[in-house]
Amino acid sequence: MAYREVRRVRADDEARWRALWAGYIAFYRGEVSEAATAALWAALLADDGDVRGFVVDDGEGPFGLVHYVFHRSTWSVQPICYLQDLYVDRAARGGGAARELMEACFAAAKSAGAFRVYWQTQEYNAPARSLYDTIVPRSSFIVYRKPL
């Protein structure tokens, strides 16, 4: 097996991380301001707030990312963890990197005392859903969003 490591981001990852982030946003047909992207990058580098993340690196730089957010819950005194973003470069998909990134998130959440990790995806994202279905059954919750 080729070298592969799941690790925290480093300052020298910025260009590759930005390319992965842009690919992720494009996949979900979204738009994120430069201010939000810069704030996310700063939070990931600081690695001490509610927003955290990992990249998967093959020795030539990151080719996948996961971002997660800790927050309070009304259902527990422990924090809950939202796995917000997961993306692997198209050329590297199918090799287990997404699962490795998720497992790193789960381990970090457990280490931080979180009682649960949750995530969501688009209904049309069948490849990701096929992975997620091997990890945990889908919940019955439906997500509503109201722009403000």
N, C-alpha and C. Protein backbone atom coordinates (compact mmCIF):
# COMPACT_ATOMS: atom_id res chain seq x y z
N MET A 1 0.85 -1.19 0.00
CA MET A 1 0.00 0.00 0.00
C MET A 1 0.89 1.24 0.00
N ALA A 2 0.49 2.21 -0.77
CA ALA A 2 1.23 3.48 -0.84
C ALA A 2 1.10 4.24 0.47
N TYR A 3 2.06 5.11 0.70
CA TYR A 3 2.04 5.98 1.88
C TYR A 3 0.77 6.82 1.87
N ARG A 4 0.13 6.90 3.01
CA ARG A 4 -1.02 7.79 3.16
C ARG A 4 -1.15 8.11 4.64
N GLU A 5 -1.42 9.39 4.92
CA GLU A 5 -1.53 9.86 6.30
C GLU A 5 -2.71 10.81 6.42
N VAL A 6 -3.52 10.62 7.45
CA VAL A 6 -4.55 11.59 7.81
C VAL A 6 -3.94 12.45 8.90
N ARG A 7 -3.97 13.76 8.68
CA ARG A 7 -3.30 14.69 9.61
C ARG A 7 -4.00 16.03 9.61
N ARG A 8 -3.63 16.87 10.57
CA ARG A 8 -4.10 18.25 10.62
C ARG A 8 -3.49 19.03 9.45
N VAL A 9 -4.14 20.11 9.07
CA VAL A 9 -3.58 20.95 8.01
C VAL A 9 -2.35 21.68 8.51
N ARG A 10 -1.48 22.01 7.56
CA ARG A 10 -0.29 22.83 7.83
C ARG A 10 -0.36 24.04 6.91
N ALA A 11 0.35 25.09 7.27
CA ALA A 11 0.33 26.32 6.49
C ALA A 11 0.71 26.08 5.03
N ASP A 12 1.62 25.16 4.78
CA ASP A 12 2.05 24.92 3.40
C ASP A 12 1.03 24.11 2.58
N ASP A 13 -0.07 23.71 3.19
CA ASP A 13 -1.15 23.01 2.49
C ASP A 13 -2.15 23.96 1.84
N GLU A 14 -2.00 25.25 2.07
CA GLU A 14 -3.07 26.18 1.71
C GLU A 14 -3.50 26.09 0.25
N ALA A 15 -2.58 26.09 -0.69
CA ALA A 15 -2.96 26.07 -2.10
C ALA A 15 -3.75 24.81 -2.45
N ARG A 16 -3.26 23.67 -2.01
CA ARG A 16 -3.96 22.42 -2.32
C ARG A 16 -5.29 22.34 -1.57
N TRP A 17 -5.31 22.78 -0.30
CA TRP A 17 -6.55 22.78 0.46
C TRP A 17 -7.59 23.66 -0.24
N ARG A 18 -7.17 24.84 -0.70
CA ARG A 18 -8.11 25.74 -1.39
C ARG A 18 -8.67 25.08 -2.66
N ALA A 19 -7.86 24.34 -3.37
CA ALA A 19 -8.35 23.65 -4.57
C ALA A 19 -9.38 22.57 -4.19
N LEU A 20 -9.10 21.83 -3.14
CA LEU A 20 -10.05 20.82 -2.67
C LEU A 20 -11.34 21.47 -2.18
N TRP A 21 -11.20 22.55 -1.43
CA TRP A 21 -12.36 23.29 -0.91
C TRP A 21 -13.22 23.80 -2.08
N ALA A 22 -12.58 24.34 -3.08
CA ALA A 22 -13.32 24.83 -4.26
C ALA A 22 -14.05 23.68 -4.96
N GLY A 23 -13.41 22.53 -5.05
CA GLY A 23 -14.05 21.36 -5.66
C GLY A 23 -15.26 20.91 -4.87
N TYR A 24 -15.14 20.95 -3.57
CA TYR A 24 -16.25 20.57 -2.70
C TYR A 24 -17.43 21.52 -2.86
N ILE A 25 -17.15 22.81 -2.83
CA ILE A 25 -18.21 23.82 -2.97
C ILE A 25 -18.88 23.69 -4.34
N ALA A 26 -18.09 23.46 -5.38
CA ALA A 26 -18.65 23.29 -6.72
C ALA A 26 -19.53 22.05 -6.80
N PHE A 27 -19.11 20.96 -6.16
CA PHE A 27 -19.91 19.74 -6.17
C PHE A 27 -21.30 19.99 -5.60
N TYR A 28 -21.36 20.75 -4.53
CA TYR A 28 -22.64 21.05 -3.91
C TYR A 28 -23.32 22.28 -4.50
N ARG A 29 -22.79 22.78 -5.60
CA ARG A 29 -23.39 23.90 -6.33
C ARG A 29 -23.59 25.11 -5.43
N GLY A 30 -22.58 25.36 -4.59
CA GLY A 30 -22.67 26.44 -3.64
C GLY A 30 -21.73 27.58 -3.95
N GLU A 31 -21.81 28.59 -3.14
CA GLU A 31 -20.92 29.74 -3.20
C GLU A 31 -20.50 30.08 -1.79
N VAL A 32 -19.21 30.29 -1.60
CA VAL A 32 -18.67 30.68 -0.30
C VAL A 32 -17.78 31.88 -0.55
N SER A 33 -17.95 32.91 0.24
CA SER A 33 -17.16 34.12 0.07
C SER A 33 -15.69 33.87 0.42
N GLU A 34 -14.84 34.73 -0.11
CA GLU A 34 -13.42 34.66 0.24
C GLU A 34 -13.24 34.91 1.73
N ALA A 35 -14.04 35.79 2.31
CA ALA A 35 -13.94 36.07 3.75
C ALA A 35 -14.23 34.81 4.56
N ALA A 36 -15.26 34.05 4.17
CA ALA A 36 -15.60 32.81 4.88
C ALA A 36 -14.52 31.76 4.68
N THR A 37 -13.99 31.67 3.46
CA THR A 37 -12.90 30.71 3.19
C THR A 37 -11.68 31.05 4.02
N ALA A 38 -11.31 32.32 4.06
CA ALA A 38 -10.14 32.74 4.84
C ALA A 38 -10.35 32.48 6.33
N ALA A 39 -11.55 32.72 6.83
CA ALA A 39 -11.84 32.47 8.24
C ALA A 39 -11.78 30.98 8.55
N LEU A 40 -12.28 30.16 7.65
CA LEU A 40 -12.21 28.71 7.84
C LEU A 40 -10.75 28.26 7.86
N TRP A 41 -9.96 28.73 6.90
CA TRP A 41 -8.55 28.35 6.86
C TRP A 41 -7.85 28.74 8.17
N ALA A 42 -8.10 29.94 8.65
CA ALA A 42 -7.48 30.40 9.90
C ALA A 42 -7.91 29.51 11.07
N ALA A 43 -9.18 29.15 11.12
CA ALA A 43 -9.67 28.29 12.20
C ALA A 43 -9.02 26.91 12.13
N LEU A 44 -8.87 26.37 10.92
CA LEU A 44 -8.24 25.06 10.79
C LEU A 44 -6.78 25.10 11.23
N LEU A 45 -6.08 26.16 10.89
CA LEU A 45 -4.69 26.29 11.32
C LEU A 45 -4.58 26.46 12.83
N ALA A 46 -5.50 27.22 13.42
CA ALA A 46 -5.46 27.47 14.87
C ALA A 46 -5.71 26.17 15.64
N ASP A 47 -6.61 25.33 15.12
CA ASP A 47 -6.88 24.03 15.71
C ASP A 47 -7.20 24.10 17.20
N ASP A 48 -7.93 25.15 17.61
CA ASP A 48 -8.24 25.27 19.03
C ASP A 48 -9.64 25.77 19.31
N GLY A 49 -10.47 25.88 18.30
CA GLY A 49 -11.84 26.37 18.48
C GLY A 49 -12.85 25.28 18.20
N ASP A 50 -14.04 25.70 17.84
CA ASP A 50 -15.11 24.76 17.56
C ASP A 50 -14.96 24.09 16.20
N VAL A 51 -14.27 24.74 15.26
CA VAL A 51 -14.09 24.21 13.91
C VAL A 51 -12.73 23.53 13.83
N ARG A 52 -12.72 22.30 13.36
CA ARG A 52 -11.49 21.52 13.24
C ARG A 52 -11.49 20.80 11.90
N GLY A 53 -10.36 20.22 11.56
CA GLY A 53 -10.33 19.47 10.31
C GLY A 53 -9.06 18.67 10.14
N PHE A 54 -9.13 17.77 9.17
CA PHE A 54 -8.00 16.94 8.77
C PHE A 54 -7.90 16.95 7.26
N VAL A 55 -6.73 16.59 6.76
CA VAL A 55 -6.54 16.27 5.35
C VAL A 55 -5.95 14.87 5.27
N VAL A 56 -6.10 14.26 4.12
CA VAL A 56 -5.42 13.00 3.84
C VAL A 56 -4.34 13.33 2.81
N ASP A 57 -3.13 12.86 3.06
CA ASP A 57 -1.94 13.24 2.30
C ASP A 57 -1.25 11.97 1.81
N ASP A 58 -0.89 11.94 0.55
CA ASP A 58 -0.20 10.77 -0.02
C ASP A 58 1.31 10.98 -0.14
N GLY A 59 1.83 11.99 0.52
CA GLY A 59 3.24 12.30 0.42
C GLY A 59 3.53 13.38 -0.60
N GLU A 60 2.56 13.64 -1.45
CA GLU A 60 2.69 14.70 -2.45
C GLU A 60 1.74 15.85 -2.15
N GLY A 61 1.10 15.79 -1.00
CA GLY A 61 0.18 16.84 -0.59
C GLY A 61 -1.22 16.30 -0.39
N PRO A 62 -2.09 17.11 0.22
CA PRO A 62 -3.46 16.68 0.50
C PRO A 62 -4.26 16.37 -0.77
N PHE A 63 -5.07 15.33 -0.68
CA PHE A 63 -6.00 15.00 -1.76
C PHE A 63 -7.42 14.77 -1.24
N GLY A 64 -7.63 15.06 0.03
CA GLY A 64 -8.95 14.97 0.62
C GLY A 64 -9.00 15.77 1.90
N LEU A 65 -10.22 16.15 2.32
CA LEU A 65 -10.38 16.95 3.53
C LEU A 65 -11.65 16.56 4.27
N VAL A 66 -11.64 16.82 5.56
CA VAL A 66 -12.83 16.72 6.39
C VAL A 66 -12.79 17.89 7.36
N HIS A 67 -13.93 18.54 7.52
CA HIS A 67 -14.09 19.63 8.51
C HIS A 67 -15.24 19.23 9.43
N TYR A 68 -15.07 19.53 10.70
CA TYR A 68 -16.13 19.22 11.66
C TYR A 68 -16.23 20.32 12.69
N VAL A 69 -17.41 20.41 13.31
CA VAL A 69 -17.73 21.50 14.21
C VAL A 69 -18.29 20.92 15.50
N PHE A 70 -17.76 21.35 16.64
CA PHE A 70 -18.33 20.98 17.94
C PHE A 70 -19.32 22.06 18.36
N HIS A 71 -20.43 21.63 18.92
CA HIS A 71 -21.38 22.60 19.48
C HIS A 71 -22.15 21.96 20.63
N ARG A 72 -22.81 22.82 21.39
CA ARG A 72 -23.62 22.35 22.51
C ARG A 72 -24.90 21.71 21.98
N SER A 73 -25.51 20.93 22.83
CA SER A 73 -26.77 20.28 22.48
C SER A 73 -27.75 20.45 23.64
N THR A 74 -29.01 20.54 23.33
CA THR A 74 -30.03 20.60 24.37
C THR A 74 -30.32 19.20 24.93
N TRP A 75 -29.77 18.17 24.31
CA TRP A 75 -30.06 16.79 24.71
C TRP A 75 -28.97 16.17 25.56
N SER A 76 -27.89 16.88 25.79
CA SER A 76 -26.78 16.30 26.55
C SER A 76 -25.91 17.42 27.12
N VAL A 77 -25.19 17.11 28.19
CA VAL A 77 -24.21 18.06 28.70
C VAL A 77 -22.89 17.93 27.93
N GLN A 78 -22.76 16.86 27.18
CA GLN A 78 -21.58 16.66 26.34
C GLN A 78 -21.76 17.39 25.02
N PRO A 79 -20.66 17.77 24.37
CA PRO A 79 -20.80 18.41 23.05
C PRO A 79 -21.25 17.38 22.01
N ILE A 80 -21.74 17.90 20.91
CA ILE A 80 -22.08 17.09 19.75
C ILE A 80 -21.18 17.55 18.61
N CYS A 81 -20.90 16.68 17.68
CA CYS A 81 -19.98 16.98 16.59
C CYS A 81 -20.71 16.86 15.25
N TYR A 82 -20.65 17.92 14.48
CA TYR A 82 -21.23 17.94 13.14
C TYR A 82 -20.11 17.79 12.12
N LEU A 83 -20.10 16.69 11.40
CA LEU A 83 -19.16 16.48 10.31
C LEU A 83 -19.73 17.27 9.12
N GLN A 84 -19.19 18.45 8.90
CA GLN A 84 -19.82 19.37 7.96
C GLN A 84 -19.36 19.18 6.51
N ASP A 85 -18.06 18.96 6.31
CA ASP A 85 -17.53 18.89 4.95
C ASP A 85 -16.64 17.67 4.81
N LEU A 86 -16.84 16.91 3.75
CA LEU A 86 -16.00 15.76 3.43
C LEU A 86 -15.81 15.74 1.93
N TYR A 87 -14.55 15.72 1.49
CA TYR A 87 -14.29 15.74 0.05
C TYR A 87 -12.97 15.06 -0.25
N VAL A 88 -12.99 14.22 -1.28
CA VAL A 88 -11.78 13.57 -1.80
C VAL A 88 -11.71 13.89 -3.27
N ASP A 89 -10.52 14.27 -3.73
CA ASP A 89 -10.31 14.57 -5.14
C ASP A 89 -10.85 13.43 -6.00
N ARG A 90 -11.51 13.79 -7.07
CA ARG A 90 -12.18 12.80 -7.93
C ARG A 90 -11.23 11.68 -8.35
N ALA A 91 -10.00 12.01 -8.67
CA ALA A 91 -9.04 11.01 -9.16
C ALA A 91 -8.64 10.00 -8.08
N ALA A 92 -8.89 10.32 -6.82
CA ALA A 92 -8.46 9.45 -5.72
C ALA A 92 -9.62 8.73 -5.04
N ARG A 93 -10.81 8.85 -5.57
CA ARG A 93 -11.97 8.24 -4.92
C ARG A 93 -11.96 6.72 -5.08
N GLY A 94 -12.62 6.08 -4.12
CA GLY A 94 -12.76 4.63 -4.17
C GLY A 94 -11.63 3.87 -3.48
N GLY A 95 -10.68 4.58 -2.92
CA GLY A 95 -9.55 3.93 -2.28
C GLY A 95 -9.59 3.93 -0.77
N GLY A 96 -10.68 4.38 -0.17
CA GLY A 96 -10.82 4.35 1.28
C GLY A 96 -10.48 5.64 2.00
N ALA A 97 -10.06 6.67 1.27
CA ALA A 97 -9.66 7.92 1.93
C ALA A 97 -10.83 8.59 2.65
N ALA A 98 -12.01 8.58 2.07
CA ALA A 98 -13.16 9.21 2.73
C ALA A 98 -13.46 8.54 4.06
N ARG A 99 -13.43 7.22 4.07
CA ARG A 99 -13.67 6.50 5.33
C ARG A 99 -12.58 6.83 6.35
N GLU A 100 -11.33 6.91 5.93
CA GLU A 100 -10.24 7.26 6.84
C GLU A 100 -10.44 8.65 7.43
N LEU A 101 -10.86 9.60 6.61
CA LEU A 101 -11.12 10.95 7.11
C LEU A 101 -12.27 10.95 8.12
N MET A 102 -13.32 10.19 7.82
CA MET A 102 -14.45 10.10 8.74
C MET A 102 -14.02 9.46 10.06
N GLU A 103 -13.24 8.40 9.98
CA GLU A 103 -12.78 7.72 11.19
C GLU A 103 -11.92 8.66 12.04
N ALA A 104 -11.11 9.49 11.40
CA ALA A 104 -10.31 10.47 12.14
C ALA A 104 -11.22 11.47 12.85
N CYS A 105 -12.27 11.90 12.18
CA CYS A 105 -13.25 12.80 12.80
C CYS A 105 -13.92 12.12 13.98
N PHE A 106 -14.35 10.87 13.80
CA PHE A 106 -15.01 10.14 14.89
C PHE A 106 -14.08 10.02 16.11
N ALA A 107 -12.82 9.70 15.86
CA ALA A 107 -11.85 9.55 16.95
C ALA A 107 -11.62 10.88 17.67
N ALA A 108 -11.53 11.96 16.90
CA ALA A 108 -11.33 13.28 17.51
C ALA A 108 -12.55 13.68 18.34
N ALA A 109 -13.74 13.38 17.83
CA ALA A 109 -14.96 13.71 18.56
C ALA A 109 -15.04 12.90 19.85
N LYS A 110 -14.72 11.64 19.77
CA LYS A 110 -14.73 10.80 20.97
C LYS A 110 -13.72 11.33 21.99
N SER A 111 -12.55 11.67 21.53
CA SER A 111 -11.50 12.19 22.40
C SER A 111 -11.93 13.50 23.07
N ALA A 112 -12.72 14.30 22.36
CA ALA A 112 -13.21 15.59 22.89
C ALA A 112 -14.43 15.42 23.79
N GLY A 113 -14.90 14.19 23.96
CA GLY A 113 -16.04 13.94 24.83
C GLY A 113 -17.39 14.11 24.18
N ALA A 114 -17.43 14.19 22.86
CA ALA A 114 -18.72 14.33 22.17
C ALA A 114 -19.54 13.05 22.33
N PHE A 115 -20.86 13.21 22.37
CA PHE A 115 -21.72 12.04 22.52
C PHE A 115 -22.22 11.51 21.18
N ARG A 116 -22.02 12.29 20.11
CA ARG A 116 -22.51 11.85 18.80
C ARG A 116 -21.80 12.65 17.72
N VAL A 117 -21.66 12.02 16.56
CA VAL A 117 -21.26 12.71 15.33
C VAL A 117 -22.42 12.55 14.36
N TYR A 118 -22.79 13.62 13.70
CA TYR A 118 -23.84 13.54 12.69
C TYR A 118 -23.40 14.29 11.45
N TRP A 119 -24.02 13.96 10.32
CA TRP A 119 -23.71 14.62 9.06
C TRP A 119 -24.90 14.49 8.13
N GLN A 120 -24.84 15.21 7.05
CA GLN A 120 -25.90 15.17 6.04
C GLN A 120 -25.26 15.23 4.66
N THR A 121 -26.01 14.83 3.66
CA THR A 121 -25.55 14.95 2.29
C THR A 121 -26.76 15.15 1.39
N GLN A 122 -26.49 15.49 0.17
CA GLN A 122 -27.58 15.65 -0.80
C GLN A 122 -28.11 14.27 -1.20
N GLU A 123 -29.38 14.20 -1.49
CA GLU A 123 -29.98 12.94 -1.91
C GLU A 123 -29.32 12.41 -3.18
N TYR A 124 -28.86 13.30 -4.05
CA TYR A 124 -28.24 12.87 -5.32
C TYR A 124 -26.81 12.36 -5.16
N ASN A 125 -26.24 12.42 -3.96
CA ASN A 125 -24.86 12.01 -3.75
C ASN A 125 -24.79 10.51 -3.44
N ALA A 126 -25.15 9.70 -4.41
CA ALA A 126 -25.22 8.25 -4.22
C ALA A 126 -23.88 7.61 -3.82
N PRO A 127 -22.75 8.01 -4.40
CA PRO A 127 -21.50 7.37 -3.98
C PRO A 127 -21.20 7.58 -2.49
N ALA A 128 -21.40 8.80 -2.00
CA ALA A 128 -21.16 9.06 -0.57
C ALA A 128 -22.18 8.31 0.27
N ARG A 129 -23.41 8.30 -0.15
CA ARG A 129 -24.44 7.61 0.62
C ARG A 129 -24.16 6.12 0.72
N SER A 130 -23.58 5.54 -0.33
CA SER A 130 -23.26 4.11 -0.26
C SER A 130 -22.19 3.85 0.80
N LEU A 131 -21.26 4.78 0.98
CA LEU A 131 -20.28 4.67 2.07
C LEU A 131 -20.97 4.87 3.41
N TYR A 132 -21.73 5.93 3.54
CA TYR A 132 -22.36 6.26 4.82
C TYR A 132 -23.26 5.12 5.30
N ASP A 133 -23.94 4.46 4.37
CA ASP A 133 -24.83 3.36 4.73
C ASP A 133 -24.08 2.18 5.34
N THR A 134 -22.77 2.07 5.08
CA THR A 134 -21.97 1.00 5.69
C THR A 134 -21.50 1.38 7.09
N ILE A 135 -21.64 2.64 7.45
CA ILE A 135 -21.15 3.12 8.75
C ILE A 135 -22.27 3.15 9.78
N VAL A 136 -23.43 3.66 9.38
CA VAL A 136 -24.55 3.80 10.31
C VAL A 136 -25.85 3.90 9.49
N PRO A 137 -26.97 3.42 10.03
CA PRO A 137 -28.23 3.58 9.29
C PRO A 137 -28.60 5.05 9.16
N ARG A 138 -29.24 5.38 8.07
CA ARG A 138 -29.72 6.74 7.83
C ARG A 138 -30.81 7.09 8.84
N SER A 139 -30.81 8.33 9.30
CA SER A 139 -31.85 8.76 10.23
C SER A 139 -33.11 9.14 9.46
N SER A 140 -34.18 9.33 10.18
CA SER A 140 -35.45 9.70 9.54
C SER A 140 -35.66 11.21 9.51
N PHE A 141 -34.68 11.99 9.98
CA PHE A 141 -34.84 13.43 10.01
C PHE A 141 -34.76 14.04 8.62
N ILE A 142 -35.54 15.07 8.40
CA ILE A 142 -35.53 15.85 7.17
C ILE A 142 -35.03 17.23 7.52
N VAL A 143 -34.15 17.78 6.70
CA VAL A 143 -33.53 19.08 6.98
C VAL A 143 -34.30 20.18 6.25
N TYR A 144 -34.60 21.26 6.97
CA TYR A 144 -35.21 22.46 6.40
C TYR A 144 -34.23 23.58 6.57
N ARG A 145 -34.19 24.50 5.61
CA ARG A 145 -33.28 25.65 5.68
C ARG A 145 -34.05 26.92 5.34
N LYS A 146 -33.93 27.92 6.18
CA LYS A 146 -34.55 29.21 5.92
C LYS A 146 -33.46 30.27 5.84
N PRO A 147 -33.23 30.82 4.67
CA PRO A 147 -32.22 31.88 4.56
C PRO A 147 -32.64 33.12 5.37
N LEU A 148 -31.66 33.77 5.96
CA LEU A 148 -31.94 34.98 6.75
C LEU A 148 -31.20 36.16 6.17
